[in-house]
Amino acid sequence: MDISLLITYFLVFIIFLLILLHYGLHGTKLGRSVDKIPGPKWYPIIGNALDLFVPIENLWHFYRRAGRDFYPIYKLWIANWPIVVIRHPDDIEILLRDNKNISKSVIYDLIHPWLNQGLLTSTGDKWRARRKIITPAFHVNNLHEYSDNIIKKTELLIKNLKEEAKSGDVDKELLPIVSRIALNIICETIMDTKCNENDSEQDTYMNAIRNIGDIFYYKSVRPWLKNNWILSKTSKGRDQLKTLKILHAFTTKIIKERQRFHDESNGEYLNDFSMSPSENSGQPSVDKKTKKKSNIIDLLIHASKFDRGIDDRGIREEVDTFVFAGHDTTAMSIFFTILLLAENKDIQTRARDEVDRILGENNGIMTINEVQRFTYLERCIKESLRLYPSVPLISREVTEELKLKHCTLSKGTILNIAIYDVHRDPNFWPRPNIFDPDRFLRENIDGRHPFCYIPFSGGLRNCIGQKFAMLELKTIIGGLLHNFYLEPLETTANIRILPDIVLRPAHPVHVKFIPIPK
């Protein structure tokens, strides 16, 4: 038979098979329930592919437009993936308060080659067990110990900026410097690993983070790349392999250094953990006489040593997760808060006056006690997180039928929460695009829907490190305000956004640091 005829028959067979699959899916309970929800025009088999196969910046604008045009809920089809996007606080509350539908969606499978099934991506009993192991690392007593390192790193950043300022005002690309300090802090606090100030490995790691984010979104609109064999045959697959080697090498080094420390000390420090579980947490606690903090990596190694459901692979999963999530989300929040303060001079002045007054009462010395009193600065940070939530979207899989206010979703639906959009919903936030820290005065919070502001998610799967993050944010930004005037070189309105795993600018953004005479 002629080869061209064989190819024709094969193509006709594939098309016929795809048509059968399409009508088979849309004829199911899942397909019918999703198709009742409004959304952008889609086509058989390919769904919304024509909308999604665009440059990543355009993809961000598409999601924003769809959220406005089909408020308060819309659906997309990415081939055979049914995706429903919600942004109304009533629907968000129902989902986040549900104790059954807590599984992350198939979209998170796309970062399993990197994070595997750490706390961010795992579910069920594994997630609950890991959360119990890690929770003591963020106890309030540990925050006091962590604060010393955060303050030292802030002072070092200030010193370096002042050294550069000896020859004039400092014009700095903002993201690299805030990413570096955030990475140093996360490694030296909850990982208890020493970082060198000018370590080139850190720059390589941070570049790899940005690269893996690009790969993640590339795969998220191409479901067939979920197949590792197909992915391996593409340039993106090869790029992912190189990037993963960099990311895993960085965290493997952290783990090996800490394990070597415990081997050389014969596990003496790990033995300081009491195996008598506390009444509330069921977790090991540190003997008060040792006065040593229970950081994440030691809690994980301890759990592995005493066979508490985690092995070396599990340790790597959690270290990968927390080194990434613990520094990248914080860096983006510092980034946007500094930009907003720089372009809102009156708010910047008010925040600085508060910091100066409080530090002045302690001879200019910053401790956690002073940082905790930066109440107006905290409102500035919260308002920045409203406008620019570090994680703009989270995704769940509906594992049991879920009745929302605006629809009922069947098992198997991918359900996304558009955090960025709910934070700018004019129905809950008057003048939503205006930077106004007084939105977080107690009298303005009372009566506001509790789920119209969720920068740290909510419910069972809320951010475990949010108190640590706020302490870090207030310390770094407070220290900078006390020592520098911030001048904008670009407004936030002109910053192009990438829908990365975290919110990220599409281009370099600079800020001018002007030293304050002391």
Protein backbone atom coordinates (compact mmCIF):
# COMPACT_ATOMS: atom_id res chain seq x y z
CA MET A 1 0.00 0.00 0.00
CA ASP A 2 1.21 3.50 -0.77
CA ILE A 3 2.91 5.10 2.24
CA SER A 4 1.00 8.37 1.76
CA LEU A 5 -2.29 6.46 1.94
CA LEU A 6 -1.17 4.78 5.17
CA ILE A 7 -0.35 8.16 6.66
CA THR A 8 -3.76 9.47 5.59
CA TYR A 9 -5.54 6.52 7.22
CA PHE A 10 -3.50 6.98 10.37
CA LEU A 11 -4.33 10.70 10.59
CA VAL A 12 -8.03 10.02 9.99
CA PHE A 13 -7.94 7.39 12.75
CA ILE A 14 -6.26 9.80 15.18
CA ILE A 15 -8.79 12.54 14.42
CA PHE A 16 -11.68 10.08 14.84
CA LEU A 17 -10.21 8.92 18.16
CA LEU A 18 -9.83 12.50 19.40
CA ILE A 19 -13.43 13.26 18.47
CA LEU A 20 -14.61 10.21 20.41
CA LEU A 21 -12.54 11.25 23.41
CA HIS A 22 -13.88 14.80 23.20
CA TYR A 23 -17.54 13.84 23.14
CA GLY A 24 -16.92 11.11 25.68
CA LEU A 25 -15.44 13.64 28.14
CA HIS A 26 -18.01 16.37 27.58
CA GLY A 27 -20.82 13.84 27.92
CA THR A 28 -19.76 12.82 31.42
CA LYS A 29 -21.14 14.37 34.60
CA LEU A 30 -17.84 16.23 34.95
CA GLY A 31 -17.93 17.58 31.42
CA ARG A 32 -21.58 18.63 31.61
CA SER A 33 -21.13 20.43 34.94
CA VAL A 34 -18.10 22.37 33.69
CA ASP A 35 -19.72 23.28 30.37
CA LYS A 36 -22.59 24.99 32.21
CA ILE A 37 -20.13 27.58 33.52
CA PRO A 38 -19.48 30.62 31.31
CA GLY A 39 -16.05 31.31 29.88
CA PRO A 40 -14.05 32.33 26.82
CA LYS A 41 -14.96 30.64 23.55
CA TRP A 42 -13.40 27.22 23.17
CA TYR A 43 -13.16 24.67 20.38
CA PRO A 44 -13.60 20.90 20.26
CA ILE A 45 -10.50 18.88 21.16
CA ILE A 46 -8.16 21.89 21.55
CA GLY A 47 -10.33 23.79 24.05
CA ASN A 48 -8.87 27.26 24.71
CA ALA A 49 -5.49 26.46 23.16
CA LEU A 50 -5.64 29.44 20.79
CA ASP A 51 -5.97 31.76 23.78
CA LEU A 52 -3.17 30.10 25.72
CA PHE A 53 -0.43 29.53 23.15
CA VAL A 54 0.75 33.12 23.41
CA PRO A 55 3.75 34.88 24.99
CA ILE A 56 3.65 34.50 28.76
CA GLU A 57 2.98 38.22 29.35
CA ASN A 58 -0.07 38.02 27.08
CA LEU A 59 -1.24 34.97 29.00
CA TRP A 60 -1.33 37.06 32.17
CA HIS A 61 -3.57 39.63 30.45
CA PHE A 62 -5.84 36.89 29.10
CA TYR A 63 -6.48 35.53 32.60
CA ARG A 64 -7.17 39.04 33.91
CA ARG A 65 -9.64 39.81 31.10
CA ALA A 66 -11.45 36.49 31.54
CA GLY A 67 -11.82 37.19 35.26
CA ARG A 68 -13.46 40.55 34.51
CA ASP A 69 -15.60 39.43 31.58
CA PHE A 70 -17.07 36.37 33.27
CA TYR A 71 -17.20 37.54 36.89
CA PRO A 72 -17.44 35.87 39.37
CA ILE A 73 -16.56 32.47 37.86
CA TYR A 74 -15.35 31.13 34.53
CA LYS A 75 -14.09 27.95 32.95
CA LEU A 76 -11.36 26.95 30.52
CA TRP A 77 -10.62 23.75 28.70
CA ILE A 78 -6.95 22.95 28.17
CA ALA A 79 -7.39 19.88 25.97
CA ASN A 80 -8.91 17.37 28.44
CA TRP A 81 -8.24 19.47 31.53
CA PRO A 82 -11.43 21.16 32.84
CA ILE A 83 -10.37 24.28 34.76
CA VAL A 84 -12.75 26.46 36.75
CA VAL A 85 -11.50 29.78 38.11
CA ILE A 86 -13.16 31.49 41.08
CA ARG A 87 -12.60 34.95 42.56
CA HIS A 88 -15.64 35.60 44.75
CA PRO A 89 -14.93 35.40 48.51
CA ASP A 90 -18.08 33.34 49.15
CA ASP A 91 -16.88 30.61 46.80
CA ILE A 92 -13.31 30.85 48.12
CA GLU A 93 -14.52 30.49 51.70
CA ILE A 94 -16.48 27.34 50.89
CA LEU A 95 -13.43 25.76 49.25
CA LEU A 96 -10.82 26.75 51.82
CA ARG A 97 -13.00 25.79 54.79
CA ASP A 98 -13.70 22.38 53.23
CA ASN A 99 -11.68 19.70 55.05
CA LYS A 100 -12.09 17.15 52.25
CA ASN A 101 -11.13 18.98 49.06
CA ILE A 102 -7.57 19.82 50.09
CA SER A 103 -5.67 18.05 47.30
CA LYS A 104 -3.53 20.17 45.01
CA SER A 105 -4.51 19.86 41.37
CA VAL A 106 -2.78 18.07 38.50
CA ILE A 107 -1.16 21.41 37.63
CA TYR A 108 1.20 20.94 40.59
CA ASP A 109 2.32 17.64 39.08
CA LEU A 110 4.26 19.81 36.64
CA ILE A 111 6.65 20.83 39.43
CA HIS A 112 6.97 17.32 40.91
CA PRO A 113 10.28 16.76 39.08
CA TRP A 114 11.60 19.61 41.23
CA LEU A 115 9.70 19.62 44.55
CA ASN A 116 8.29 16.10 44.28
CA GLN A 117 5.74 15.81 47.09
CA GLY A 118 6.84 18.24 49.74
CA LEU A 119 4.48 20.25 51.91
CA LEU A 120 3.46 22.50 48.99
CA THR A 121 2.42 19.70 46.65
CA SER A 122 1.56 16.67 48.81
CA THR A 123 -1.88 15.79 50.14
CA GLY A 124 -3.74 13.49 52.51
CA ASP A 125 -1.94 11.67 55.30
CA LYS A 126 1.49 12.49 53.90
CA TRP A 127 0.75 16.22 53.98
CA ARG A 128 -0.67 16.01 57.53
CA ALA A 129 2.33 14.06 58.82
CA ARG A 130 4.83 16.46 57.25
CA ARG A 131 2.98 19.50 58.56
CA LYS A 132 3.17 18.07 62.10
CA ILE A 133 6.90 17.45 61.78
CA ILE A 134 7.66 20.96 60.48
CA THR A 135 5.26 23.10 62.56
CA PRO A 136 7.58 23.43 65.63
CA ALA A 137 10.15 25.24 63.46
CA PHE A 138 7.81 28.23 63.36
CA HIS A 139 7.02 28.36 67.06
CA VAL A 140 7.08 31.89 68.48
CA ASN A 141 10.18 31.10 70.55
CA ASN A 142 12.07 30.24 67.38
CA LEU A 143 11.04 33.52 65.79
CA HIS A 144 12.94 35.36 68.53
CA GLU A 145 16.09 33.42 67.66
CA TYR A 146 15.60 33.82 63.92
CA SER A 147 15.23 37.57 64.37
CA ASP A 148 18.89 37.96 65.35
CA ASN A 149 20.01 36.59 61.99
CA ILE A 150 17.44 38.63 60.07
CA ILE A 151 18.64 41.82 61.78
CA LYS A 152 22.30 41.00 61.07
CA LYS A 153 21.57 40.40 57.40
CA THR A 154 19.60 43.64 57.23
CA GLU A 155 22.49 45.56 58.80
CA LEU A 156 24.90 44.02 56.29
CA LEU A 157 22.66 45.06 53.39
CA ILE A 158 22.48 48.60 54.76
CA LYS A 159 26.26 48.71 55.22
CA ASN A 160 26.87 47.60 51.63
CA LEU A 161 24.42 50.12 50.22
CA LYS A 162 26.04 52.90 52.24
CA GLU A 163 29.47 51.90 50.97
CA GLU A 164 28.22 52.27 47.41
CA ALA A 165 26.59 55.58 48.30
CA LYS A 166 29.90 57.21 49.21
CA SER A 167 30.27 58.19 45.57
CA GLY A 168 26.63 59.31 45.21
CA ASP A 169 23.07 58.01 45.37
CA VAL A 170 22.69 54.28 44.75
CA ASP A 171 20.70 53.19 41.71
CA LYS A 172 20.09 49.45 42.19
CA GLU A 173 18.24 46.78 40.30
CA LEU A 174 15.94 45.79 43.13
CA LEU A 175 15.03 42.14 42.66
CA PRO A 176 18.54 40.63 42.80
CA ILE A 177 19.44 42.30 46.11
CA VAL A 178 16.19 41.42 47.87
CA SER A 179 16.29 37.86 46.51
CA ARG A 180 19.82 37.39 47.81
CA ILE A 181 19.07 38.62 51.34
CA ALA A 182 15.90 36.51 51.48
CA LEU A 183 17.80 33.40 50.34
CA ASN A 184 20.60 34.00 52.85
CA ILE A 185 18.09 34.40 55.66
CA ILE A 186 16.11 31.25 54.86
CA CYS A 187 19.31 29.18 54.63
CA GLU A 188 20.79 30.49 57.86
CA THR A 189 17.61 30.39 59.96
CA ILE A 190 15.28 27.49 59.24
CA MET A 191 18.07 25.52 57.48
CA ASP A 192 20.83 26.49 59.94
CA THR A 193 23.37 26.58 57.10
CA LYS A 194 26.02 29.26 56.74
CA CYS A 195 25.86 31.34 53.55
CA ASN A 196 28.65 33.39 52.04
CA GLU A 197 27.65 36.91 51.06
CA ASN A 198 29.03 36.70 47.51
CA ASP A 199 28.44 33.01 46.81
CA SER A 200 28.08 32.57 43.04
CA GLU A 201 26.11 29.36 43.66
CA GLN A 202 23.29 31.49 45.04
CA ASP A 203 23.10 33.53 41.83
CA THR A 204 23.06 30.32 39.80
CA TYR A 205 20.29 28.94 42.03
CA MET A 206 18.16 32.09 41.75
CA ASN A 207 18.52 32.11 37.96
CA ALA A 208 17.45 28.47 37.92
CA ILE A 209 14.35 29.38 39.97
CA ARG A 210 13.30 31.86 37.30
CA ASN A 211 14.00 29.35 34.56
CA ILE A 212 11.97 26.56 36.19
CA GLY A 213 9.07 29.02 36.54
CA ASP A 214 9.12 29.68 32.80
CA ILE A 215 9.19 25.94 32.13
CA PHE A 216 6.29 25.39 34.55
CA TYR A 217 3.99 27.81 32.72
CA TYR A 218 5.09 26.49 29.33
CA LYS A 219 4.02 22.99 30.41
CA SER A 220 0.83 24.18 32.11
CA VAL A 221 -0.81 25.07 28.78
CA ARG A 222 0.49 21.92 27.03
CA PRO A 223 -1.00 18.96 28.94
CA TRP A 224 0.75 16.41 26.73
CA LEU A 225 4.07 17.53 28.21
CA LYS A 226 2.95 15.99 31.49
CA ASN A 227 4.19 12.78 29.87
CA ASN A 228 7.87 12.61 30.78
CA TRP A 229 8.81 10.67 27.64
CA ILE A 230 7.28 13.30 25.35
CA LEU A 231 8.81 16.10 27.42
CA SER A 232 12.26 14.52 27.23
CA LYS A 233 12.18 14.77 23.43
CA THR A 234 11.71 18.55 23.50
CA SER A 235 14.12 21.43 24.06
CA LYS A 236 12.11 22.42 27.15
CA GLY A 237 12.58 18.95 28.56
CA ARG A 238 16.32 19.15 28.11
CA ASP A 239 16.32 22.64 29.63
CA GLN A 240 14.32 21.34 32.60
CA LEU A 241 16.85 18.55 33.18
CA LYS A 242 19.75 21.01 33.32
CA THR A 243 17.81 23.35 35.60
CA LEU A 244 16.82 20.56 38.00
CA LYS A 245 20.45 19.56 38.40
CA ILE A 246 21.26 23.09 39.56
CA LEU A 247 18.29 23.32 41.94
CA HIS A 248 18.85 19.92 43.50
CA ALA A 249 22.61 20.39 43.80
CA PHE A 250 22.06 23.55 45.85
CA THR A 251 19.71 21.91 48.37
CA THR A 252 21.62 18.62 48.44
CA LYS A 253 24.69 20.56 49.59
CA ILE A 254 22.65 22.09 52.45
CA ILE A 255 21.38 18.67 53.54
CA LYS A 256 24.79 16.97 53.38
CA GLU A 257 26.45 19.74 55.38
CA ARG A 258 23.86 19.45 58.13
CA GLN A 259 23.96 15.66 58.15
CA ARG A 260 27.75 15.80 58.38
CA PHE A 261 27.45 18.12 61.37
CA HIS A 262 25.24 15.59 63.16
CA ASP A 263 27.52 12.69 62.22
CA GLU A 264 30.58 14.49 63.58
CA SER A 265 28.75 15.36 66.80
CA ASN A 266 27.43 11.78 67.14
CA GLY A 267 23.87 13.05 66.91
CA GLU A 268 24.21 14.83 70.24
CA TYR A 269 22.13 17.79 69.12
CA LEU A 270 19.41 15.54 67.70
CA ASN A 271 19.30 13.64 70.99
CA ASP A 272 18.41 16.91 72.71
CA PHE A 273 14.98 16.58 71.13
CA SER A 274 12.61 15.08 73.64
CA MET A 275 10.74 12.08 72.30
CA SER A 276 7.87 12.78 74.65
CA PRO A 277 5.30 14.43 72.44
CA SER A 278 3.70 17.60 73.69
CA GLU A 279 0.06 17.40 74.54
CA ASN A 280 -1.08 19.62 71.68
CA SER A 281 1.24 19.05 68.76
CA GLY A 282 2.42 15.49 69.21
CA GLN A 283 5.84 16.74 68.13
CA PRO A 284 9.32 16.48 69.62
CA SER A 285 10.31 19.48 71.65
CA VAL A 286 13.73 20.77 72.58
CA ASP A 287 14.88 20.51 76.17
CA LYS A 288 14.64 24.04 77.55
CA LYS A 289 18.11 23.68 79.06
CA THR A 290 19.67 23.45 75.58
CA LYS A 291 18.01 26.66 74.39
CA LYS A 292 18.45 25.49 70.81
CA LYS A 293 15.85 26.25 68.19
CA SER A 294 14.14 23.41 66.34
CA ASN A 295 14.79 24.42 62.73
CA ILE A 296 13.24 22.60 59.80
CA ILE A 297 16.23 20.61 58.62
CA ASP A 298 16.99 19.26 62.09
CA LEU A 299 13.36 18.35 62.65
CA LEU A 300 13.41 16.42 59.37
CA ILE A 301 16.70 14.64 60.12
CA HIS A 302 15.43 13.84 63.62
CA ALA A 303 12.19 12.40 62.19
CA SER A 304 14.19 10.30 59.73
CA LYS A 305 16.53 9.00 62.45
CA PHE A 306 13.64 7.90 64.67
CA ASP A 307 11.61 6.40 61.81
CA ARG A 308 8.76 8.87 61.91
CA GLY A 309 7.67 8.41 58.31
CA ILE A 310 10.33 10.31 56.40
CA ASP A 311 13.47 9.19 54.59
CA ASP A 312 16.33 10.94 52.76
CA ARG A 313 14.12 11.60 49.75
CA GLY A 314 11.48 13.13 52.00
CA ILE A 315 14.08 15.41 53.58
CA ARG A 316 15.10 16.61 50.12
CA GLU A 317 11.46 17.24 49.18
CA GLU A 318 10.93 19.55 52.14
CA VAL A 319 14.28 21.33 51.87
CA ASP A 320 13.64 21.99 48.17
CA THR A 321 10.17 23.30 49.05
CA PHE A 322 11.15 25.59 51.89
CA VAL A 323 14.33 27.02 50.39
CA PHE A 324 12.29 27.99 47.32
CA ALA A 325 9.02 29.08 48.91
CA GLY A 326 10.70 30.59 51.96
CA HIS A 327 12.83 33.02 50.00
CA ASP A 328 11.13 33.66 46.64
CA THR A 329 7.72 34.71 47.97
CA THR A 330 9.31 36.95 50.60
CA ALA A 331 11.64 38.54 48.06
CA MET A 332 8.71 39.45 45.82
CA SER A 333 6.84 41.01 48.73
CA ILE A 334 9.89 43.10 49.70
CA PHE A 335 10.25 44.08 46.05
CA PHE A 336 6.71 45.39 45.60
CA THR A 337 6.49 47.01 49.04
CA ILE A 338 9.67 49.02 48.42
CA LEU A 339 8.37 50.12 45.01
CA LEU A 340 5.02 51.21 46.44
CA LEU A 341 6.66 53.13 49.28
CA ALA A 342 9.07 54.77 46.83
CA GLU A 343 6.26 56.13 44.66
CA ASN A 344 3.99 57.11 47.58
CA LYS A 345 6.17 59.64 49.42
CA ASP A 346 3.64 60.62 52.07
CA ILE A 347 3.14 56.98 53.09
CA GLN A 348 6.90 56.38 53.01
CA THR A 349 7.44 59.37 55.31
CA ARG A 350 4.78 58.19 57.74
CA ALA A 351 6.27 54.67 57.86
CA ARG A 352 9.78 56.07 58.36
CA ASP A 353 8.61 58.37 61.15
CA GLU A 354 7.17 55.38 62.99
CA VAL A 355 10.38 53.34 62.59
CA ASP A 356 12.59 56.29 63.61
CA ARG A 357 10.50 56.99 66.69
CA ILE A 358 10.50 53.39 67.90
CA LEU A 359 14.19 52.81 67.20
CA GLY A 360 15.01 56.15 68.80
CA GLU A 361 13.60 54.85 72.07
CA ASN A 362 16.28 52.12 71.98
CA ASN A 363 19.24 54.27 70.87
CA GLY A 364 18.73 53.22 67.24
CA ILE A 365 19.16 49.51 68.03
CA MET A 366 16.72 47.13 66.36
CA THR A 367 15.49 44.00 68.13
CA ILE A 368 12.41 41.87 67.64
CA ASN A 369 10.66 43.94 70.30
CA GLU A 370 11.02 47.09 68.19
CA VAL A 371 10.07 45.29 64.97
CA GLN A 372 6.86 44.01 66.50
CA ARG A 373 5.82 47.62 67.20
CA PHE A 374 6.07 48.67 63.53
CA THR A 375 2.28 48.62 63.19
CA TYR A 376 1.92 51.16 60.40
CA LEU A 377 4.70 49.50 58.41
CA GLU A 378 2.88 46.20 58.85
CA ARG A 379 -0.23 47.79 57.34
CA CYS A 380 1.89 48.98 54.41
CA ILE A 381 3.14 45.43 53.86
CA LYS A 382 -0.37 43.99 54.07
CA GLU A 383 -1.61 46.52 51.53
CA SER A 384 1.30 45.67 49.25
CA LEU A 385 0.39 41.98 49.54
CA ARG A 386 -3.17 42.89 48.63
CA LEU A 387 -2.10 44.63 45.43
CA TYR A 388 0.71 42.21 44.62
CA PRO A 389 0.20 38.84 46.34
CA SER A 390 3.40 36.85 45.97
CA VAL A 391 1.39 33.81 44.90
CA PRO A 392 -1.29 35.13 42.52
CA LEU A 393 -3.12 31.82 42.06
CA ILE A 394 -3.56 28.50 43.87
CA SER A 395 -5.11 25.36 42.44
CA ARG A 396 -7.02 22.44 43.95
CA GLU A 397 -8.55 19.27 42.60
CA VAL A 398 -12.17 18.57 43.45
CA THR A 399 -12.03 15.09 44.98
CA GLU A 400 -15.63 15.12 46.25
CA GLU A 401 -18.55 17.01 44.72
CA LEU A 402 -18.36 20.61 45.86
CA LYS A 403 -21.34 22.95 46.06
CA LEU A 404 -20.19 26.56 45.71
CA LYS A 405 -22.39 29.63 45.86
CA HIS A 406 -22.29 30.09 42.10
CA CYS A 407 -22.19 26.48 40.86
CA THR A 408 -21.72 22.83 41.79
CA LEU A 409 -18.49 21.13 40.72
CA SER A 410 -18.04 17.43 40.05
CA LYS A 411 -15.15 15.24 41.11
CA GLY A 412 -12.14 15.72 38.84
CA THR A 413 -12.53 19.46 38.26
CA ILE A 414 -9.39 21.59 38.50
CA LEU A 415 -10.39 24.56 40.65
CA ASN A 416 -8.22 27.69 40.65
CA ILE A 417 -8.46 30.61 43.07
CA ALA A 418 -7.49 33.90 41.43
CA ILE A 419 -5.98 35.60 44.49
CA TYR A 420 -4.72 38.59 42.49
CA ASP A 421 -8.25 39.31 41.24
CA VAL A 422 -10.14 38.84 44.51
CA HIS A 423 -7.69 41.30 46.10
CA ARG A 424 -8.69 43.92 43.52
CA ASP A 425 -12.42 43.24 43.43
CA PRO A 426 -14.14 46.67 43.65
CA ASN A 427 -17.13 45.03 45.33
CA PHE A 428 -14.95 44.48 48.41
CA TRP A 429 -12.15 47.01 47.95
CA PRO A 430 -13.19 50.60 47.12
CA ARG A 431 -10.69 52.20 44.71
CA PRO A 432 -8.93 48.82 44.48
CA ASN A 433 -5.86 50.00 42.58
CA ILE A 434 -4.96 52.70 45.14
CA PHE A 435 -2.23 51.95 47.71
CA ASP A 436 -3.89 52.71 51.06
CA PRO A 437 -2.44 51.03 54.18
CA ASP A 438 -5.31 52.35 56.30
CA ARG A 439 -7.52 49.68 54.75
CA PHE A 440 -5.99 47.50 57.48
CA LEU A 441 -6.98 49.64 60.42
CA ARG A 442 -9.10 47.62 62.81
CA GLU A 443 -12.22 49.70 62.12
CA ASN A 444 -11.84 49.07 58.38
CA ILE A 445 -11.20 45.34 58.75
CA ASP A 446 -14.29 44.74 60.89
CA GLY A 447 -17.18 43.70 58.67
CA ARG A 448 -14.98 42.96 55.65
CA HIS A 449 -15.37 39.51 54.12
CA PRO A 450 -12.64 37.34 55.73
CA PHE A 451 -11.84 35.64 52.41
CA CYS A 452 -11.43 38.70 50.21
CA TYR A 453 -7.83 38.91 51.47
CA ILE A 454 -5.84 35.68 51.36
CA PRO A 455 -2.15 36.42 50.58
CA PHE A 456 -1.19 33.41 52.71
CA SER A 457 -4.06 31.22 51.48
CA GLY A 458 -6.44 30.02 54.21
CA GLY A 459 -8.05 27.06 55.91
CA LEU A 460 -6.07 23.91 56.64
CA ARG A 461 -3.48 24.63 53.95
CA ASN A 462 -2.65 28.19 54.97
CA CYS A 463 0.98 29.28 54.81
CA ILE A 464 2.90 27.69 57.69
CA GLY A 465 5.56 30.42 57.66
CA GLN A 466 3.48 33.58 57.49
CA LYS A 467 4.57 34.93 60.90
CA PHE A 468 8.20 34.32 59.99
CA ALA A 469 7.67 36.09 56.66
CA MET A 470 6.06 39.13 58.27
CA LEU A 471 8.91 39.39 60.80
CA GLU A 472 11.43 39.29 57.96
CA LEU A 473 9.54 41.83 55.86
CA LYS A 474 9.17 44.33 58.69
CA THR A 475 12.81 44.01 59.71
CA ILE A 476 14.33 44.47 56.25
CA ILE A 477 12.00 47.22 55.05
CA GLY A 478 12.10 48.99 58.43
CA GLY A 479 15.91 48.96 58.38
CA LEU A 480 15.99 50.40 54.87
CA LEU A 481 13.50 53.15 55.73
CA HIS A 482 15.54 54.13 58.78
CA ASN A 483 18.65 54.61 56.65
CA PHE A 484 17.52 55.62 53.16
CA TYR A 485 15.04 57.71 51.25
CA LEU A 486 13.53 55.59 48.48
CA GLU A 487 13.17 57.19 45.05
CA PRO A 488 11.22 55.48 42.25
CA LEU A 489 12.80 55.06 38.84
CA GLU A 490 9.75 53.23 37.53
CA THR A 491 6.16 53.10 38.75
CA THR A 492 4.39 49.87 39.61
CA ALA A 493 1.71 50.69 37.03
CA ASN A 494 4.33 50.36 34.29
CA ILE A 495 5.77 47.07 35.48
CA ARG A 496 4.94 44.16 33.20
CA ILE A 497 3.93 41.07 35.15
CA LEU A 498 4.78 37.44 34.47
CA PRO A 499 2.41 34.73 35.78
CA ASP A 500 5.26 32.66 37.19
CA ILE A 501 4.87 30.25 40.12
CA VAL A 502 5.15 33.49 42.06
CA LEU A 503 4.36 37.00 40.83
CA ARG A 504 7.42 38.32 38.99
CA PRO A 505 8.37 41.38 36.91
CA ALA A 506 9.09 40.72 33.24
CA HIS A 507 12.03 43.15 33.17
CA PRO A 508 14.66 44.70 35.48
CA VAL A 509 13.28 47.35 37.85
CA HIS A 510 15.51 49.90 39.58
CA VAL A 511 15.14 51.98 42.76
CA LYS A 512 17.33 54.79 44.05
CA PHE A 513 18.56 54.58 47.65
CA ILE A 514 19.49 57.99 49.09
CA PRO A 515 21.34 57.79 52.45
CA ILE A 516 19.78 59.73 55.31
CA PRO A 517 22.38 61.86 57.15
CA LYS A 518 22.74 60.69 60.75
